[in-house]
Amino acid sequence: MEDDDAEASTPDASQTDVDASRAESERSDQSDGGDAGEADAVGGTNSGGGPAGVEPDSASADESAQNPDPASESVDEGSETPADVRKYARFKKVDGAQYDRVNDFLRDRTYITAREWAIARLCADFRTETGVEMTKIGENLPELVPFMTDTYTPQAVNQARSSFEDKIRKSGATFLYGAMSGFFTAEELDELMYEVTEIAKFLLEVEGVDLSVEEEMEAEERISSVMREVREASADLRADELAGEDGIGSDADAGDD
């Protein structure tokens, strides 16, 4: 009786295996269909069955152009740093330098501070037809200049630029007076011009200006030539003034006689 029950159960087990196999086959077909859909979504094929990146007709291309990817738009709109700020490449040679170190170097050789130097350079570079973009400079100052760590208000930017201009004006007057006064000989003036020119060229190189040897020599010669002309013209002017004073004294003496 137990054998009959076992034989009777055998067909049921076979039927169960067939049903299980059939169910597994259906699940496999569904899985293949799902994988194919994912491949299409990733970009394996387009909706027309062609290779990725090839549209089946121009209508789809027009629809795509009229309806850009929202994710792409959000990336552009979410960018806080302006493009010209990201591309700004000055002061890269002092990347990583501390403000105090840059400031000490400048104060030992010039009358300007690191803050005034950097902001004056930025004001010259970010000048438009309507004026200087002081708000952009102040808000992006740490991104524009490696040794500046804080943002500035437009008023602070304008103050730094004004301070720079005042110091340049006073320094220029002091230097030119020294060149015109006769305190220096021609040789001493040439040596002085060489020293200050080297400092100025170094600052330009730090800002990212590349000067060839020929350009440096030409600039030095032109500056020296101009300063020699200034000295000679001032010497002639002083000589004329002295001659005039002597003439006034002679006329006074003749009148007394």
Protein backbone atom coordinates (compact mmCIF):
# COMPACT_ATOMS: atom_id res chain seq x y z
CA MET A 1 0.00 0.00 0.00
CA GLU A 2 2.90 2.33 0.79
CA ASP A 3 4.43 1.48 -2.65
CA ASP A 4 1.20 2.43 -4.38
CA ASP A 5 1.17 5.75 -2.59
CA ALA A 6 4.79 6.32 -3.63
CA GLU A 7 4.04 5.49 -7.28
CA ALA A 8 0.97 7.70 -7.19
CA SER A 9 3.01 10.58 -5.85
CA THR A 10 5.66 10.27 -8.60
CA PRO A 11 3.56 11.85 -11.43
CA ASP A 12 2.67 14.75 -9.09
CA ALA A 13 6.35 15.38 -8.42
CA SER A 14 7.11 15.36 -12.15
CA GLN A 15 4.27 17.78 -12.76
CA THR A 16 5.64 19.98 -10.02
CA ASP A 17 9.08 20.02 -11.68
CA VAL A 18 7.51 20.96 -15.00
CA ASP A 19 5.54 23.78 -13.42
CA ALA A 20 8.63 25.02 -11.59
CA SER A 21 10.66 24.93 -14.81
CA ARG A 22 7.95 26.81 -16.66
CA ALA A 23 7.75 29.45 -13.92
CA GLU A 24 11.51 29.86 -13.90
CA SER A 25 11.49 30.29 -17.69
CA GLU A 26 8.86 33.02 -17.40
CA ARG A 27 10.87 34.77 -14.71
CA SER A 28 13.97 34.57 -16.92
CA ASP A 29 12.10 36.16 -19.83
CA GLN A 30 10.89 38.96 -17.59
CA SER A 31 14.40 39.47 -16.23
CA ASP A 32 15.84 39.67 -19.74
CA GLY A 33 13.26 42.25 -20.65
CA GLY A 34 14.10 44.31 -17.55
CA ASP A 35 17.85 44.18 -18.27
CA ALA A 36 17.24 45.30 -21.82
CA GLY A 37 15.17 48.22 -20.56
CA GLU A 38 17.96 49.27 -18.18
CA ALA A 39 20.51 49.04 -20.99
CA ASP A 40 18.36 51.31 -23.13
CA ALA A 41 18.02 53.77 -20.27
CA VAL A 42 21.79 53.88 -19.69
CA GLY A 43 22.40 54.48 -23.36
CA GLY A 44 23.18 51.09 -24.89
CA THR A 45 20.60 51.56 -27.65
CA ASN A 46 18.15 54.25 -28.55
CA SER A 47 14.40 53.95 -28.85
CA GLY A 48 14.68 53.00 -32.51
CA GLY A 49 16.97 50.05 -31.83
CA GLY A 50 20.08 51.79 -33.15
CA PRO A 51 23.39 52.45 -31.39
CA ALA A 52 23.60 54.86 -28.48
CA GLY A 53 23.72 58.53 -29.40
CA VAL A 54 21.98 58.06 -32.79
CA GLU A 55 18.44 59.41 -32.94
CA PRO A 56 15.91 57.53 -35.11
CA ASP A 57 14.48 60.72 -36.67
CA SER A 58 14.79 64.52 -36.59
CA ALA A 59 11.55 64.89 -34.59
CA SER A 60 13.16 63.29 -31.56
CA ALA A 61 16.21 65.52 -31.94
CA ASP A 62 14.02 68.64 -32.09
CA GLU A 63 12.09 67.53 -29.02
CA SER A 64 15.30 66.93 -27.15
CA ALA A 65 16.64 70.36 -28.10
CA GLN A 66 13.43 72.05 -26.96
CA ASN A 67 13.39 70.14 -23.67
CA PRO A 68 16.94 70.19 -22.26
CA ASP A 69 17.98 67.96 -19.42
CA PRO A 70 16.79 69.51 -16.12
CA ALA A 71 19.82 68.12 -14.32
CA SER A 72 22.14 69.97 -16.70
CA GLU A 73 20.30 73.23 -16.10
CA SER A 74 20.47 72.81 -12.34
CA VAL A 75 24.25 72.35 -12.50
CA ASP A 76 24.70 75.59 -14.46
CA GLU A 77 22.32 77.57 -12.30
CA GLY A 78 23.79 76.18 -9.09
CA SER A 79 27.33 77.30 -9.94
CA GLU A 80 28.10 80.11 -7.49
CA THR A 81 31.57 81.06 -8.80
CA PRO A 82 31.50 83.17 -12.00
CA ALA A 83 33.30 81.76 -15.03
CA ASP A 84 35.82 84.61 -15.25
CA VAL A 85 36.70 84.09 -11.59
CA ARG A 86 37.33 80.37 -12.13
CA LYS A 87 39.57 81.15 -15.12
CA TYR A 88 41.56 83.88 -13.35
CA ALA A 89 45.17 82.69 -13.25
CA ARG A 90 47.18 85.48 -11.67
CA PHE A 91 49.09 85.06 -8.39
CA LYS A 92 49.46 81.31 -8.97
CA LYS A 93 53.18 81.60 -8.25
CA VAL A 94 52.40 82.46 -4.64
CA ASP A 95 49.80 79.75 -4.23
CA GLY A 96 50.06 78.52 -0.65
CA ALA A 97 51.94 81.57 0.59
CA GLN A 98 50.79 83.25 3.79
CA TYR A 99 49.56 86.83 3.74
CA ASP A 100 52.08 87.97 6.34
CA ARG A 101 55.00 86.67 4.30
CA VAL A 102 53.84 88.43 1.13
CA ASN A 103 53.10 91.59 3.08
CA ASP A 104 56.54 91.63 4.72
CA PHE A 105 58.23 91.25 1.34
CA LEU A 106 56.31 94.20 -0.08
CA ARG A 107 56.77 96.43 2.95
CA ASP A 108 60.53 95.88 2.85
CA ARG A 109 60.72 97.02 -0.79
CA THR A 110 57.68 99.23 -1.47
CA TYR A 111 55.15 101.40 0.34
CA ILE A 112 52.15 99.20 -0.52
CA THR A 113 50.69 96.29 1.40
CA ALA A 114 49.78 92.87 0.06
CA ARG A 115 46.10 93.76 0.34
CA GLU A 116 46.53 96.94 -1.68
CA TRP A 117 48.68 95.21 -4.29
CA ALA A 118 46.23 92.36 -4.86
CA ILE A 119 43.10 94.50 -4.98
CA ALA A 120 44.68 97.11 -7.26
CA ARG A 121 45.60 94.33 -9.68
CA LEU A 122 42.07 92.90 -9.55
CA CYS A 123 40.50 96.33 -10.11
CA ALA A 124 42.57 96.71 -13.27
CA ASP A 125 41.65 93.22 -14.51
CA PHE A 126 37.94 93.37 -13.67
CA ARG A 127 37.23 96.76 -15.20
CA THR A 128 34.29 97.03 -17.56
CA GLU A 129 32.81 99.88 -19.60
CA THR A 130 30.63 100.84 -16.63
CA GLY A 131 33.37 100.66 -13.99
CA VAL A 132 35.18 98.23 -11.71
CA GLU A 133 33.32 95.11 -10.58
CA MET A 134 34.03 95.70 -6.91
CA THR A 135 31.25 93.45 -5.64
CA LYS A 136 32.53 90.50 -7.66
CA ILE A 137 36.10 91.16 -6.51
CA GLY A 138 35.15 91.35 -2.86
CA GLU A 139 32.90 88.31 -2.83
CA ASN A 140 35.43 86.11 -4.64
CA LEU A 141 38.66 87.50 -3.19
CA PRO A 142 39.87 84.19 -1.65
CA GLU A 143 39.31 82.40 -4.98
CA LEU A 144 41.10 85.12 -6.95
CA VAL A 145 44.14 85.62 -4.72
CA PRO A 146 45.67 82.64 -2.87
CA PHE A 147 47.00 84.61 0.11
CA MET A 148 43.74 86.48 0.76
CA THR A 149 41.47 84.48 3.06
CA ASP A 150 38.52 86.81 3.71
CA THR A 151 35.85 88.32 1.52
CA TYR A 152 35.57 92.12 1.23
CA THR A 153 32.68 94.51 0.87
CA PRO A 154 32.66 96.80 -2.18
CA GLN A 155 33.50 99.68 0.14
CA ALA A 156 36.57 97.85 1.48
CA VAL A 157 37.71 97.08 -2.07
CA ASN A 158 37.36 100.72 -3.05
CA GLN A 159 39.24 101.84 0.06
CA ALA A 160 42.17 99.52 -0.70
CA ARG A 161 42.34 100.72 -4.29
CA SER A 162 42.24 104.36 -3.19
CA SER A 163 45.02 103.75 -0.67
CA PHE A 164 47.13 102.13 -3.39
CA GLU A 165 46.65 105.07 -5.74
CA ASP A 166 47.57 107.59 -3.02
CA LYS A 167 50.77 105.74 -2.18
CA ILE A 168 51.77 105.42 -5.84
CA ARG A 169 51.18 109.15 -6.35
CA LYS A 170 53.26 110.12 -3.32
CA SER A 171 56.01 107.59 -4.13
CA GLY A 172 56.15 108.82 -7.71
CA ALA A 173 56.47 112.43 -6.62
CA THR A 174 59.21 111.51 -4.16
CA PHE A 175 61.14 109.52 -6.74
CA LEU A 176 60.80 112.09 -9.48
CA TYR A 177 61.90 114.86 -7.15
CA GLY A 178 64.96 112.85 -6.24
CA ALA A 179 65.77 112.35 -9.92
CA MET A 180 65.24 116.01 -10.81
CA SER A 181 66.85 117.61 -7.78
CA GLY A 182 70.42 116.77 -8.61
CA PHE A 183 70.92 114.69 -5.48
CA PHE A 184 72.09 111.76 -7.61
CA THR A 185 74.76 111.57 -10.25
CA ALA A 186 73.95 109.98 -13.61
CA GLU A 187 75.63 106.73 -12.51
CA GLU A 188 73.81 106.67 -9.16
CA LEU A 189 70.51 107.28 -10.91
CA ASP A 190 71.17 104.39 -13.30
CA GLU A 191 71.90 102.08 -10.36
CA LEU A 192 68.76 103.23 -8.59
CA MET A 193 66.67 102.65 -11.68
CA TYR A 194 68.09 99.15 -12.07
CA GLU A 195 67.19 98.21 -8.49
CA VAL A 196 63.63 99.50 -8.60
CA THR A 197 63.06 98.02 -12.05
CA GLU A 198 64.10 94.58 -10.81
CA ILE A 199 61.57 94.77 -7.98
CA ALA A 200 58.82 95.91 -10.32
CA LYS A 201 59.58 93.11 -12.80
CA PHE A 202 59.52 90.55 -9.99
CA LEU A 203 56.05 91.66 -8.93
CA LEU A 204 54.86 91.44 -12.53
CA GLU A 205 56.25 87.92 -12.80
CA VAL A 206 54.48 86.91 -9.61
CA GLU A 207 51.26 88.19 -11.16
CA GLY A 208 51.85 85.85 -14.09
CA VAL A 209 53.53 88.11 -16.65
CA ASP A 210 56.26 86.27 -18.58
CA LEU A 211 59.01 88.56 -19.82
CA SER A 212 61.73 87.38 -22.17
CA VAL A 213 65.33 88.49 -21.71
CA GLU A 214 65.03 90.75 -24.76
CA GLU A 215 61.88 92.37 -23.40
CA GLU A 216 63.51 92.95 -20.02
CA MET A 217 66.59 94.55 -21.57
CA GLU A 218 64.49 96.73 -23.85
CA ALA A 219 62.33 97.90 -20.93
CA GLU A 220 65.38 98.69 -18.81
CA GLU A 221 66.99 100.66 -21.62
CA ARG A 222 63.86 102.68 -22.33
CA ILE A 223 63.39 103.50 -18.64
CA SER A 224 67.04 104.47 -18.23
CA SER A 225 66.87 106.63 -21.35
CA VAL A 226 63.79 108.45 -20.09
CA MET A 227 65.33 109.03 -16.68
CA ARG A 228 68.53 110.42 -18.23
CA GLU A 229 66.41 112.85 -20.23
CA VAL A 230 64.56 113.83 -17.06
CA ARG A 231 67.81 114.46 -15.23
CA GLU A 232 69.29 116.51 -18.09
CA ALA A 233 66.11 118.56 -18.47
CA SER A 234 65.95 119.23 -14.74
CA ALA A 235 69.65 120.22 -14.72
CA ASP A 236 68.99 122.72 -17.51
CA LEU A 237 65.99 124.04 -15.60
CA ARG A 238 67.97 124.53 -12.41
CA ALA A 239 70.77 126.23 -14.37
CA ASP A 240 68.31 128.67 -15.94
CA GLU A 241 66.83 129.47 -12.52
CA LEU A 242 70.27 130.07 -11.04
CA ALA A 243 71.18 132.32 -13.98
CA GLY A 244 68.00 134.27 -13.48
CA GLU A 245 68.73 134.73 -9.82
CA ASP A 246 72.24 135.92 -10.61
CA GLY A 247 70.84 138.40 -13.12
CA ILE A 248 68.41 139.76 -10.58
CA GLY A 249 71.25 140.23 -8.11
CA SER A 250 73.43 141.99 -10.70
CA ASP A 251 70.66 144.37 -11.69
CA ALA A 252 70.08 145.22 -8.05
CA ASP A 253 73.77 145.96 -7.54
CA ALA A 254 73.91 148.19 -10.65
CA GLY A 255 70.93 150.17 -9.44
CA ASP A 256 72.57 150.78 -6.11
CA ASP A 257 75.63 152.22 -7.80
